[in-house]
């Protein structure tokens, strides 16, 4: 029972990280197409906060991946990796419970 609770907590954290990655992606598109302006203090603060949260997770992925030019695939790799982690942990919990 404790294992399921721990896995549910990890799954919840993974979902939060995925949402933050999607928000950063959308904000980067809005900045790139000049819909929002980085001279706005609120936008700049949100951008800096999102980068501060995600950069420790994305930096190791960017080091491993080859350079693809202007397209950054590291957020997609992070989301896929986190989803694979939750699937793996769910399998471990199910095998530990004898299901």
PDB file of N, CA and C in Angstrom:
ATOM      1  N   UNK A   1       0.824  -1.190   0.000  1.00  0.00           N
ATOM      2  CA  UNK A   1       0.000   0.000   0.000  1.00  0.00           C
ATOM      3  C   UNK A   1       0.876   1.265   0.000  1.00  0.00           C
ATOM      4  N   UNK A   2       1.961   1.222   0.757  1.00  0.00           N
ATOM      5  CA  UNK A   2       2.874   2.362   0.797  1.00  0.00           C
ATOM      6  C   UNK A   2       3.549   2.561  -0.560  1.00  0.00           C
ATOM      7  N   UNK A   3       3.833   1.456  -1.239  1.00  0.00           N
ATOM      8  CA  UNK A   3       4.454   1.546  -2.558  1.00  0.00           C
ATOM      9  C   UNK A   3       3.536   2.236  -3.555  1.00  0.00           C
ATOM     10  N   UNK A   4       2.243   1.913  -3.516  1.00  0.00           N
ATOM     11  CA  UNK A   4       1.292   2.570  -4.409  1.00  0.00           C
ATOM     12  C   UNK A   4       1.188   4.061  -4.108  1.00  0.00           C
ATOM     13  N   UNK A   5       1.240   4.426  -2.830  1.00  0.00           N
ATOM     14  CA  UNK A   5       1.192   5.837  -2.458  1.00  0.00           C
ATOM     15  C   UNK A   5       2.423   6.572  -2.972  1.00  0.00           C
ATOM     16  N   UNK A   6       3.582   5.958  -2.819  1.00  0.00           N
ATOM     17  CA  UNK A   6       4.819   6.567  -3.302  1.00  0.00           C
ATOM     18  C   UNK A   6       4.790   6.734  -4.814  1.00  0.00           C
ATOM     19  N   UNK A   7       4.311   5.730  -5.513  1.00  0.00           N
ATOM     20  CA  UNK A   7       4.242   5.809  -6.976  1.00  0.00           C
ATOM     21  C   UNK A   7       3.212   6.845  -7.410  1.00  0.00           C
ATOM     22  N   UNK A   8       2.112   6.969  -6.682  1.00  0.00           N
ATOM     23  CA  UNK A   8       1.117   7.992  -6.999  1.00  0.00           C
ATOM     24  C   UNK A   8       1.697   9.392  -6.804  1.00  0.00           C
ATOM     25  N   UNK A   9       2.499   9.573  -5.760  1.00  0.00           N
ATOM     26  CA  UNK A   9       3.144  10.867  -5.536  1.00  0.00           C
ATOM     27  C   UNK A   9       4.141  11.186  -6.641  1.00  0.00           C
ATOM     28  N   UNK A  10       4.922  10.193  -7.053  1.00  0.00           N
ATOM     29  CA  UNK A  10       5.880  10.392  -8.144  1.00  0.00           C
ATOM     30  C   UNK A  10       5.142  10.699  -9.449  1.00  0.00           C
ATOM     31  N   UNK A  11       4.043  10.003  -9.690  1.00  0.00           N
ATOM     32  CA  UNK A  11       3.243  10.244 -10.885  1.00  0.00           C
ATOM     33  C   UNK A  11       2.682  11.668 -10.874  1.00  0.00           C
ATOM     34  N   UNK A  12       2.256  12.145  -9.719  1.00  0.00           N
ATOM     35  CA  UNK A  12       1.750  13.503  -9.589  1.00  0.00           C
ATOM     36  C   UNK A  12       2.848  14.527  -9.902  1.00  0.00           C
ATOM     37  N   UNK A  13       4.045  14.315  -9.374  1.00  0.00           N
ATOM     38  CA  UNK A  13       5.167  15.211  -9.657  1.00  0.00           C
ATOM     39  C   UNK A  13       5.551  15.195 -11.135  1.00  0.00           C
ATOM     40  N   UNK A  14       5.502  14.014 -11.736  1.00  0.00           N
ATOM     41  CA  UNK A  14       5.796  13.905 -13.170  1.00  0.00           C
ATOM     42  C   UNK A  14       4.775  14.694 -13.977  1.00  0.00           C
ATOM     43  N   UNK A  15       3.508  14.609 -13.604  1.00  0.00           N
ATOM     44  CA  UNK A  15       2.475  15.366 -14.312  1.00  0.00           C
ATOM     45  C   UNK A  15       2.698  16.871 -14.177  1.00  0.00           C
ATOM     46  N   UNK A  16       3.122  17.325 -13.012  1.00  0.00           N
ATOM     47  CA  UNK A  16       3.408  18.749 -12.825  1.00  0.00           C
ATOM     48  C   UNK A  16       4.572  19.171 -13.717  1.00  0.00           C
ATOM     49  N   UNK A  17       5.621  18.358 -13.773  1.00  0.00           N
ATOM     50  CA  UNK A  17       6.776  18.691 -14.615  1.00  0.00           C
ATOM     51  C   UNK A  17       6.376  18.734 -16.088  1.00  0.00           C
ATOM     52  N   UNK A  18       5.539  17.806 -16.519  1.00  0.00           N
ATOM     53  CA  UNK A  18       5.082  17.800 -17.918  1.00  0.00           C
ATOM     54  C   UNK A  18       4.289  19.067 -18.223  1.00  0.00           C
ATOM     55  N   UNK A  19       3.449  19.494 -17.296  1.00  0.00           N
ATOM     56  CA  UNK A  19       2.684  20.727 -17.512  1.00  0.00           C
ATOM     57  C   UNK A  19       3.622  21.928 -17.592  1.00  0.00           C
ATOM     58  N   UNK A  20       4.635  21.973 -16.740  1.00  0.00           N
ATOM     59  CA  UNK A  20       5.594  23.084 -16.774  1.00  0.00           C
ATOM     60  C   UNK A  20       6.366  23.091 -18.095  1.00  0.00           C
ATOM     61  N   UNK A  21       6.724  21.923 -18.606  1.00  0.00           N
ATOM     62  CA  UNK A  21       7.414  21.841 -19.897  1.00  0.00           C
ATOM     63  C   UNK A  21       6.515  22.369 -21.016  1.00  0.00           C
ATOM     64  N   UNK A  22       5.246  22.013 -20.986  1.00  0.00           N
ATOM     65  CA  UNK A  22       4.318  22.483 -22.022  1.00  0.00           C
ATOM     66  C   UNK A  22       4.122  23.988 -21.929  1.00  0.00           C
ATOM     67  N   UNK A  23       4.014  24.515 -20.703  1.00  0.00           N
ATOM     68  CA  UNK A  23       3.864  25.962 -20.525  1.00  0.00           C
ATOM     69  C   UNK A  23       5.104  26.690 -21.046  1.00  0.00           C
ATOM     70  N   UNK A  24       6.293  26.156 -20.756  1.00  0.00           N
ATOM     71  CA  UNK A  24       7.514  26.782 -21.254  1.00  0.00           C
ATOM     72  C   UNK A  24       7.557  26.754 -22.782  1.00  0.00           C
ATOM     73  N   UNK A  25       7.126  25.646 -23.371  1.00  0.00           N
ATOM     74  CA  UNK A  25       7.117  25.539 -24.832  1.00  0.00           C
ATOM     75  C   UNK A  25       6.181  26.575 -25.447  1.00  0.00           C
ATOM     76  N   UNK A  26       4.975  26.686 -24.908  1.00  0.00           N
ATOM     77  CA  UNK A  26       4.004  27.647 -25.443  1.00  0.00           C
ATOM     78  C   UNK A  26       4.507  29.076 -25.262  1.00  0.00           C
ATOM     79  N   UNK A  27       5.079  29.364 -24.088  1.00  0.00           N
ATOM     80  CA  UNK A  27       5.608  30.706 -23.863  1.00  0.00           C
ATOM     81  C   UNK A  27       6.773  31.011 -24.797  1.00  0.00           C
ATOM     82  N   UNK A  28       7.612  30.018 -25.081  1.00  0.00           N
ATOM     83  CA  UNK A  28       8.725  30.257 -26.007  1.00  0.00           C
ATOM     84  C   UNK A  28       8.215  30.543 -27.419  1.00  0.00           C
ATOM     85  N   UNK A  29       7.133  29.876 -27.816  1.00  0.00           N
ATOM     86  CA  UNK A  29       6.545  30.190 -29.125  1.00  0.00           C
ATOM     87  C   UNK A  29       5.953  31.592 -29.147  1.00  0.00           C
ATOM     88  N   UNK A  30       5.282  31.969 -28.065  1.00  0.00           N
ATOM     89  CA  UNK A  30       4.701  33.309 -28.000  1.00  0.00           C
ATOM     90  C   UNK A  30       5.789  34.381 -28.030  1.00  0.00           C
ATOM     91  N   UNK A  31       6.905  34.112 -27.389  1.00  0.00           N
ATOM     92  CA  UNK A  31       8.019  35.066 -27.412  1.00  0.00           C
ATOM     93  C   UNK A  31       8.659  35.101 -28.804  1.00  0.00           C
ATOM     94  N   UNK A  32       8.824  33.922 -29.413  1.00  0.00           N
ATOM     95  CA  UNK A  32       9.465  33.865 -30.731  1.00  0.00           C
ATOM     96  C   UNK A  32       8.643  34.583 -31.801  1.00  0.00           C
ATOM     97  N   UNK A  33       7.312  34.484 -31.713  1.00  0.00           N
ATOM     98  CA  UNK A  33       6.458  35.137 -32.708  1.00  0.00           C
ATOM     99  C   UNK A  33       6.040  36.534 -32.274  1.00  0.00           C
ATOM    100  N   UNK A  34       6.690  37.034 -31.221  1.00  0.00           N
ATOM    101  CA  UNK A  34       6.495  38.401 -30.736  1.00  0.00           C
ATOM    102  C   UNK A  34       5.047  38.693 -30.340  1.00  0.00           C
ATOM    103  N   UNK A  35       4.372  37.690 -29.797  1.00  0.00           N
ATOM    104  CA  UNK A  35       3.024  37.893 -29.273  1.00  0.00           C
ATOM    105  C   UNK A  35       3.108  38.515 -27.888  1.00  0.00           C
ATOM    106  N   UNK A  36       4.045  38.019 -27.083  1.00  0.00           N
ATOM    107  CA  UNK A  36       4.320  38.637 -25.785  1.00  0.00           C
ATOM    108  C   UNK A  36       5.718  39.236 -25.834  1.00  0.00           C
ATOM    109  N   UNK A  37       5.924  40.253 -25.048  1.00  0.00           N
ATOM    110  CA  UNK A  37       7.166  40.994 -25.091  1.00  0.00           C
ATOM    111  C   UNK A  37       7.989  40.702 -23.847  1.00  0.00           C
ATOM    112  N   UNK A  38       9.263  40.422 -24.005  1.00  0.00           N
ATOM    113  CA  UNK A  38      10.141  40.145 -22.878  1.00  0.00           C
ATOM    114  C   UNK A  38      10.452  41.407 -22.068  1.00  0.00           C
ATOM    115  N   UNK A  39      10.092  42.570 -22.576  1.00  0.00           N
ATOM    116  CA  UNK A  39      10.290  43.796 -21.813  1.00  0.00           C
ATOM    117  C   UNK A  39       9.240  43.950 -20.723  1.00  0.00           C
ATOM    118  N   UNK A  40       8.174  43.151 -20.802  1.00  0.00           N
ATOM    119  CA  UNK A  40       7.172  43.116 -19.745  1.00  0.00           C
ATOM    120  C   UNK A  40       7.768  42.359 -18.558  1.00  0.00           C
ATOM    121  N   UNK A  41       7.743  42.958 -17.379  1.00  0.00           N
ATOM    122  CA  UNK A  41       8.380  42.356 -16.207  1.00  0.00           C
ATOM    123  C   UNK A  41       7.729  41.036 -15.807  1.00  0.00           C
ATOM    124  N   UNK A  42       6.421  40.924 -15.960  1.00  0.00           N
ATOM    125  CA  UNK A  42       5.731  39.689 -15.580  1.00  0.00           C
ATOM    126  C   UNK A  42       6.144  38.539 -16.503  1.00  0.00           C
ATOM    127  N   UNK A  43       6.201  38.806 -17.787  1.00  0.00           N
ATOM    128  CA  UNK A  43       6.599  37.774 -18.752  1.00  0.00           C
ATOM    129  C   UNK A  43       8.049  37.360 -18.509  1.00  0.00           C
ATOM    130  N   UNK A  44       8.902  38.327 -18.268  1.00  0.00           N
ATOM    131  CA  UNK A  44      10.316  38.012 -18.019  1.00  0.00           C
ATOM    132  C   UNK A  44      10.478  37.201 -16.739  1.00  0.00           C
ATOM    133  N   UNK A  45       9.696  37.524 -15.701  1.00  0.00           N
ATOM    134  CA  UNK A  45       9.787  36.776 -14.444  1.00  0.00           C
ATOM    135  C   UNK A  45       9.296  35.342 -14.613  1.00  0.00           C
ATOM    136  N   UNK A  46       8.205  35.159 -15.339  1.00  0.00           N
ATOM    137  CA  UNK A  46       7.689  33.806 -15.588  1.00  0.00           C
ATOM    138  C   UNK A  46       8.688  33.007 -16.416  1.00  0.00           C
ATOM    139  N   UNK A  47       9.271  33.622 -17.427  1.00  0.00           N
ATOM    140  CA  UNK A  47      10.248  32.945 -18.284  1.00  0.00           C
ATOM    141  C   UNK A  47      11.474  32.508 -17.490  1.00  0.00           C
ATOM    142  N   UNK A  48      11.972  33.404 -16.631  1.00  0.00           N
ATOM    143  CA  UNK A  48      13.140  33.068 -15.815  1.00  0.00           C
ATOM    144  C   UNK A  48      12.813  31.955 -14.824  1.00  0.00           C
ATOM    145  N   UNK A  49      11.614  31.981 -14.240  1.00  0.00           N
ATOM    146  CA  UNK A  49      11.224  30.944 -13.283  1.00  0.00           C
ATOM    147  C   UNK A  49      11.088  29.587 -13.967  1.00  0.00           C
ATOM    148  N   UNK A  50      10.478  29.563 -15.138  1.00  0.00           N
ATOM    149  CA  UNK A  50      10.327  28.298 -15.868  1.00  0.00           C
ATOM    150  C   UNK A  50      11.688  27.738 -16.258  1.00  0.00           C
ATOM    151  N   UNK A  51      12.582  28.600 -16.706  1.00  0.00           N
ATOM    152  CA  UNK A  51      13.922  28.139 -17.073  1.00  0.00           C
ATOM    153  C   UNK A  51      14.699  27.656 -15.862  1.00  0.00           C
ATOM    154  N   UNK A  52      14.526  28.318 -14.723  1.00  0.00           N
ATOM    155  CA  UNK A  52      15.222  27.893 -13.508  1.00  0.00           C
ATOM    156  C   UNK A  52      14.725  26.528 -13.043  1.00  0.00           C
ATOM    157  N   UNK A  53      13.457  26.256 -13.238  1.00  0.00           N
ATOM    158  CA  UNK A  53      12.896  24.966 -12.838  1.00  0.00           C
ATOM    159  C   UNK A  53      13.340  23.857 -13.785  1.00  0.00           C
ATOM    160  N   UNK A  54      13.303  24.122 -15.087  1.00  0.00           N
ATOM    161  CA  UNK A  54      13.513  23.058 -16.069  1.00  0.00           C
ATOM    162  C   UNK A  54      14.958  22.883 -16.518  1.00  0.00           C
ATOM    163  N   UNK A  55      15.774  23.881 -16.374  1.00  0.00           N
ATOM    164  CA  UNK A  55      17.152  23.774 -16.879  1.00  0.00           C
ATOM    165  C   UNK A  55      17.941  22.627 -16.239  1.00  0.00           C
ATOM    166  N   UNK A  56      17.837  22.379 -14.920  1.00  0.00           N
ATOM    167  CA  UNK A  56      18.570  21.220 -14.365  1.00  0.00           C
ATOM    168  C   UNK A  56      18.105  19.881 -14.931  1.00  0.00           C
ATOM    169  N   UNK A  57      16.875  19.811 -15.401  1.00  0.00           N
ATOM    170  CA  UNK A  57      16.375  18.570 -15.995  1.00  0.00           C
ATOM    171  C   UNK A  57      16.734  18.457 -17.470  1.00  0.00           C
ATOM    172  N   UNK A  58      16.767  19.587 -18.166  1.00  0.00           N
ATOM    173  CA  UNK A  58      17.005  19.565 -19.611  1.00  0.00           C
ATOM    174  C   UNK A  58      18.486  19.584 -19.983  1.00  0.00           C
ATOM    175  N   UNK A  59      19.332  20.148 -19.133  1.00  0.00           N
ATOM    176  CA  UNK A  59      20.763  20.272 -19.456  1.00  0.00           C
ATOM    177  C   UNK A  59      21.428  18.928 -19.734  1.00  0.00           C
ATOM    178  N   UNK A  60      21.239  17.895 -18.894  1.00  0.00           N
ATOM    179  CA  UNK A  60      21.885  16.607 -19.211  1.00  0.00           C
ATOM    180  C   UNK A  60      21.385  15.991 -20.517  1.00  0.00           C
ATOM    181  N   UNK A  61      20.122  16.206 -20.827  1.00  0.00           N
ATOM    182  CA  UNK A  61      19.565  15.673 -22.073  1.00  0.00           C
ATOM    183  C   UNK A  61      20.183  16.399 -23.260  1.00  0.00           C
ATOM    184  N   UNK A  62      20.346  17.704 -23.147  1.00  0.00           N
ATOM    185  CA  UNK A  62      20.941  18.489 -24.239  1.00  0.00           C
ATOM    186  C   UNK A  62      22.390  18.117 -24.473  1.00  0.00           C
ATOM    187  N   UNK A  63      23.103  17.723 -23.409  1.00  0.00           N
ATOM    188  CA  UNK A  63      24.498  17.308 -23.577  1.00  0.00           C
ATOM    189  C   UNK A  63      24.607  16.008 -24.354  1.00  0.00           C
ATOM    190  N   UNK A  64      23.649  15.110 -24.142  1.00  0.00           N
ATOM    191  CA  UNK A  64      23.696  13.788 -24.779  1.00  0.00           C
ATOM    192  C   UNK A  64      23.208  13.847 -26.226  1.00  0.00           C
ATOM    193  N   UNK A  65      22.171  14.637 -26.471  1.00  0.00           N
ATOM    194  CA  UNK A  65      21.555  14.668 -27.801  1.00  0.00           C
ATOM    195  C   UNK A  65      22.434  15.399 -28.808  1.00  0.00           C
ATOM    196  N   UNK A  66      22.374  14.975 -30.063  1.00  0.00           N
ATOM    197  CA  UNK A  66      23.130  15.700 -31.103  1.00  0.00           C
ATOM    198  C   UNK A  66      22.495  17.057 -31.381  1.00  0.00           C
ATOM    199  N   UNK A  67      23.279  17.965 -31.913  1.00  0.00           N
ATOM    200  CA  UNK A  67      22.788  19.299 -32.246  1.00  0.00           C
ATOM    201  C   UNK A  67      21.872  19.209 -33.458  1.00  0.00           C
ATOM    202  N   UNK A  68      20.636  19.694 -33.294  1.00  0.00           N
ATOM    203  CA  UNK A  68      19.667  19.633 -34.391  1.00  0.00           C
ATOM    204  C   UNK A  68      19.368  21.007 -34.961  1.00  0.00           C
ATOM    205  N   UNK A  69      20.182  21.981 -34.631  1.00  0.00           N
ATOM    206  CA  UNK A  69      19.973  23.314 -35.174  1.00  0.00           C
ATOM    207  C   UNK A  69      19.008  24.110 -34.313  1.00  0.00           C
ATOM    208  N   UNK A  70      18.007  24.675 -34.942  1.00  0.00           N
ATOM    209  CA  UNK A  70      17.081  25.563 -34.243  1.00  0.00           C
ATOM    210  C   UNK A  70      16.037  24.810 -33.428  1.00  0.00           C
ATOM    211  N   UNK A  71      15.850  23.536 -33.700  1.00  0.00           N
ATOM    212  CA  UNK A  71      14.805  22.765 -33.009  1.00  0.00           C
ATOM    213  C   UNK A  71      15.420  22.062 -31.807  1.00  0.00           C
ATOM    214  N   UNK A  72      14.796  22.267 -30.645  1.00  0.00           N
ATOM    215  CA  UNK A  72      15.261  21.642 -29.409  1.00  0.00           C
ATOM    216  C   UNK A  72      14.309  20.502 -29.051  1.00  0.00           C
ATOM    217  N   UNK A  73      14.805  19.270 -29.151  1.00  0.00           N
ATOM    218  CA  UNK A  73      13.976  18.108 -28.858  1.00  0.00           C
ATOM    219  C   UNK A  73      14.084  17.647 -27.401  1.00  0.00           C
ATOM    220  N   UNK A  74      14.885  18.326 -26.600  1.00  0.00           N
ATOM    221  CA  UNK A  74      15.084  17.869 -25.227  1.00  0.00           C
ATOM    222  C   UNK A  74      13.806  17.897 -24.376  1.00  0.00           C
ATOM    223  N   UNK A  75      12.883  18.866 -24.530  1.00  0.00           N
ATOM    224  CA  UNK A  75      11.644  18.772 -23.752  1.00  0.00           C
ATOM    225  C   UNK A  75      10.813  17.532 -24.093  1.00  0.00           C
ATOM    226  N   UNK A  76      10.788  17.169 -25.378  1.00  0.00           N
ATOM    227  CA  UNK A  76      10.055  15.976 -25.784  1.00  0.00           C
ATOM    228  C   UNK A  76      10.703  14.724 -25.208  1.00  0.00           C
ATOM    229  N   UNK A  77      12.028  14.676 -25.213  1.00  0.00           N
ATOM    230  CA  UNK A  77      12.742  13.533 -24.644  1.00  0.00           C
ATOM    231  C   UNK A  77      12.485  13.452 -23.140  1.00  0.00           C
ATOM    232  N   UNK A  78      12.444  14.597 -22.466  1.00  0.00           N
ATOM    233  CA  UNK A  78      12.159  14.623 -21.035  1.00  0.00           C
ATOM    234  C   UNK A  78      10.764  14.093 -20.742  1.00  0.00           C
ATOM    235  N   UNK A  79       9.775  14.515 -21.499  1.00  0.00           N
ATOM    236  CA  UNK A  79       8.398  14.046 -21.289  1.00  0.00           C
ATOM    237  C   UNK A  79       8.304  12.546 -21.530  1.00  0.00           C
ATOM    238  N   UNK A  80       8.914  12.066 -22.602  1.00  0.00           N
ATOM    239  CA  UNK A  80       8.881  10.624 -22.893  1.00  0.00           C
ATOM    240  C   UNK A  80       9.597   9.850 -21.794  1.00  0.00           C
ATOM    241  N   UNK A  81      10.744  10.341 -21.350  1.00  0.00           N
ATOM    242  CA  UNK A  81      11.478   9.661 -20.285  1.00  0.00           C
ATOM    243  C   UNK A  81      10.707   9.610 -18.979  1.00  0.00           C
ATOM    244  N   UNK A  82      10.050  10.701 -18.630  1.00  0.00           N
ATOM    245  CA  UNK A  82       9.263  10.715 -17.399  1.00  0.00           C
ATOM    246  C   UNK A  82       8.063   9.778 -17.490  1.00  0.00           C
ATOM    247  N   UNK A  83       7.433   9.726 -18.663  1.00  0.00           N
ATOM    248  CA  UNK A  83       6.312   8.791 -18.835  1.00  0.00           C
ATOM    249  C   UNK A  83       6.789   7.341 -18.781  1.00  0.00           C
ATOM    250  N   UNK A  84       7.948   7.068 -19.342  1.00  0.00           N
ATOM    251  CA  UNK A  84       8.503   5.714 -19.242  1.00  0.00           C
ATOM    252  C   UNK A  84       8.827   5.357 -17.795  1.00  0.00           C
ATOM    253  N   UNK A  85       9.299   6.333 -17.033  1.00  0.00           N
ATOM    254  CA  UNK A  85       9.575   6.108 -15.615  1.00  0.00           C
ATOM    255  C   UNK A  85       8.304   5.744 -14.853  1.00  0.00           C
ATOM    256  N   UNK A  86       7.215   6.447 -15.106  1.00  0.00           N
ATOM    257  CA  UNK A  86       5.969   6.121 -14.412  1.00  0.00           C
ATOM    258  C   UNK A  86       5.438   4.753 -14.816  1.00  0.00           C
ATOM    259  N   UNK A  87       5.589   4.389 -16.079  1.00  0.00           N
ATOM    260  CA  UNK A  87       5.168   3.053 -16.524  1.00  0.00           C
ATOM    261  C   UNK A  87       6.007   1.973 -15.833  1.00  0.00           C
ATOM    262  N   UNK A  88       7.307   2.216 -15.768  1.00  0.00           N
ATOM    263  CA  UNK A  88       8.201   1.262 -15.108  1.00  0.00           C
ATOM    264  C   UNK A  88       7.864   1.118 -13.631  1.00  0.00           C
ATOM    265  N   UNK A  89       7.636   2.227 -12.953  1.00  0.00           N
ATOM    266  CA  UNK A  89       7.303   2.166 -11.534  1.00  0.00           C
ATOM    267  C   UNK A  89       5.949   1.486 -11.289  1.00  0.00           C
ATOM    268  N   UNK A  90       5.006   1.710 -12.167  1.00  0.00           N
ATOM    269  CA  UNK A  90       3.710   1.034 -12.049  1.00  0.00           C
ATOM    270  C   UNK A  90       3.864  -0.465 -12.227  1.00  0.00           C
ATOM    271  N   UNK A  91       4.723  -0.877 -13.151  1.00  0.00           N
ATOM    272  CA  UNK A  91       4.990  -2.299 -13.341  1.00  0.00           C
ATOM    273  C   UNK A  91       5.671  -2.922 -12.138  1.00  0.00           C
ATOM    274  N   UNK A  92       6.589  -2.178 -11.544  1.00  0.00           N
ATOM    275  CA  UNK A  92       7.273  -2.675 -10.342  1.00  0.00           C
ATOM    276  C   UNK A  92       6.277  -2.829  -9.199  1.00  0.00           C
ATOM    277  N   UNK A  93       5.381  -1.860  -9.064  1.00  0.00           N
ATOM    278  CA  UNK A  93       4.390  -1.934  -7.988  1.00  0.00           C
ATOM    279  C   UNK A  93       3.434  -3.092  -8.220  1.00  0.00           C
ATOM    280  N   UNK A  94       3.038  -3.318  -9.464  1.00  0.00           N
ATOM    281  CA  UNK A  94       2.112  -4.410  -9.751  1.00  0.00           C
ATOM    282  C   UNK A  94       2.793  -5.760  -9.525  1.00  0.00           C
ATOM    283  N   UNK A  95       4.060  -5.884  -9.881  1.00  0.00           N
ATOM    284  CA  UNK A  95       4.754  -7.151  -9.673  1.00  0.00           C
ATOM    285  C   UNK A  95       5.050  -7.363  -8.201  1.00  0.00           C
ATOM    286  N   UNK A  96       5.254  -6.293  -7.451  1.00  0.00           N
ATOM    287  CA  UNK A  96       5.490  -6.412  -6.017  1.00  0.00           C
ATOM    288  C   UNK A  96       4.236  -6.814  -5.264  1.00  0.00           C
ATOM    289  N   UNK A  97       3.076  -6.455  -5.794  1.00  0.00           N
ATOM    290  CA  UNK A  97       1.817  -6.803  -5.147  1.00  0.00           C
ATOM    291  C   UNK A  97       1.324  -8.164  -5.584  1.00  0.00           C
ATOM    292  N   UNK A  98       1.978  -8.770  -6.551  1.00  0.00           N
ATOM    293  CA  UNK A  98       1.593 -10.097  -7.025  1.00  0.00           C
ATOM    294  C   UNK A  98       0.405 -10.091  -7.961  1.00  0.00           C
ATOM    295  N   UNK A  99       0.196  -8.970  -8.644  1.00  0.00           N
ATOM    296  CA  UNK A  99      -0.947  -8.875  -9.576  1.00  0.00           C
ATOM    297  C   UNK A  99      -0.576  -9.343 -10.946  1.00  0.00           C
TER     298      UNK A  99
END
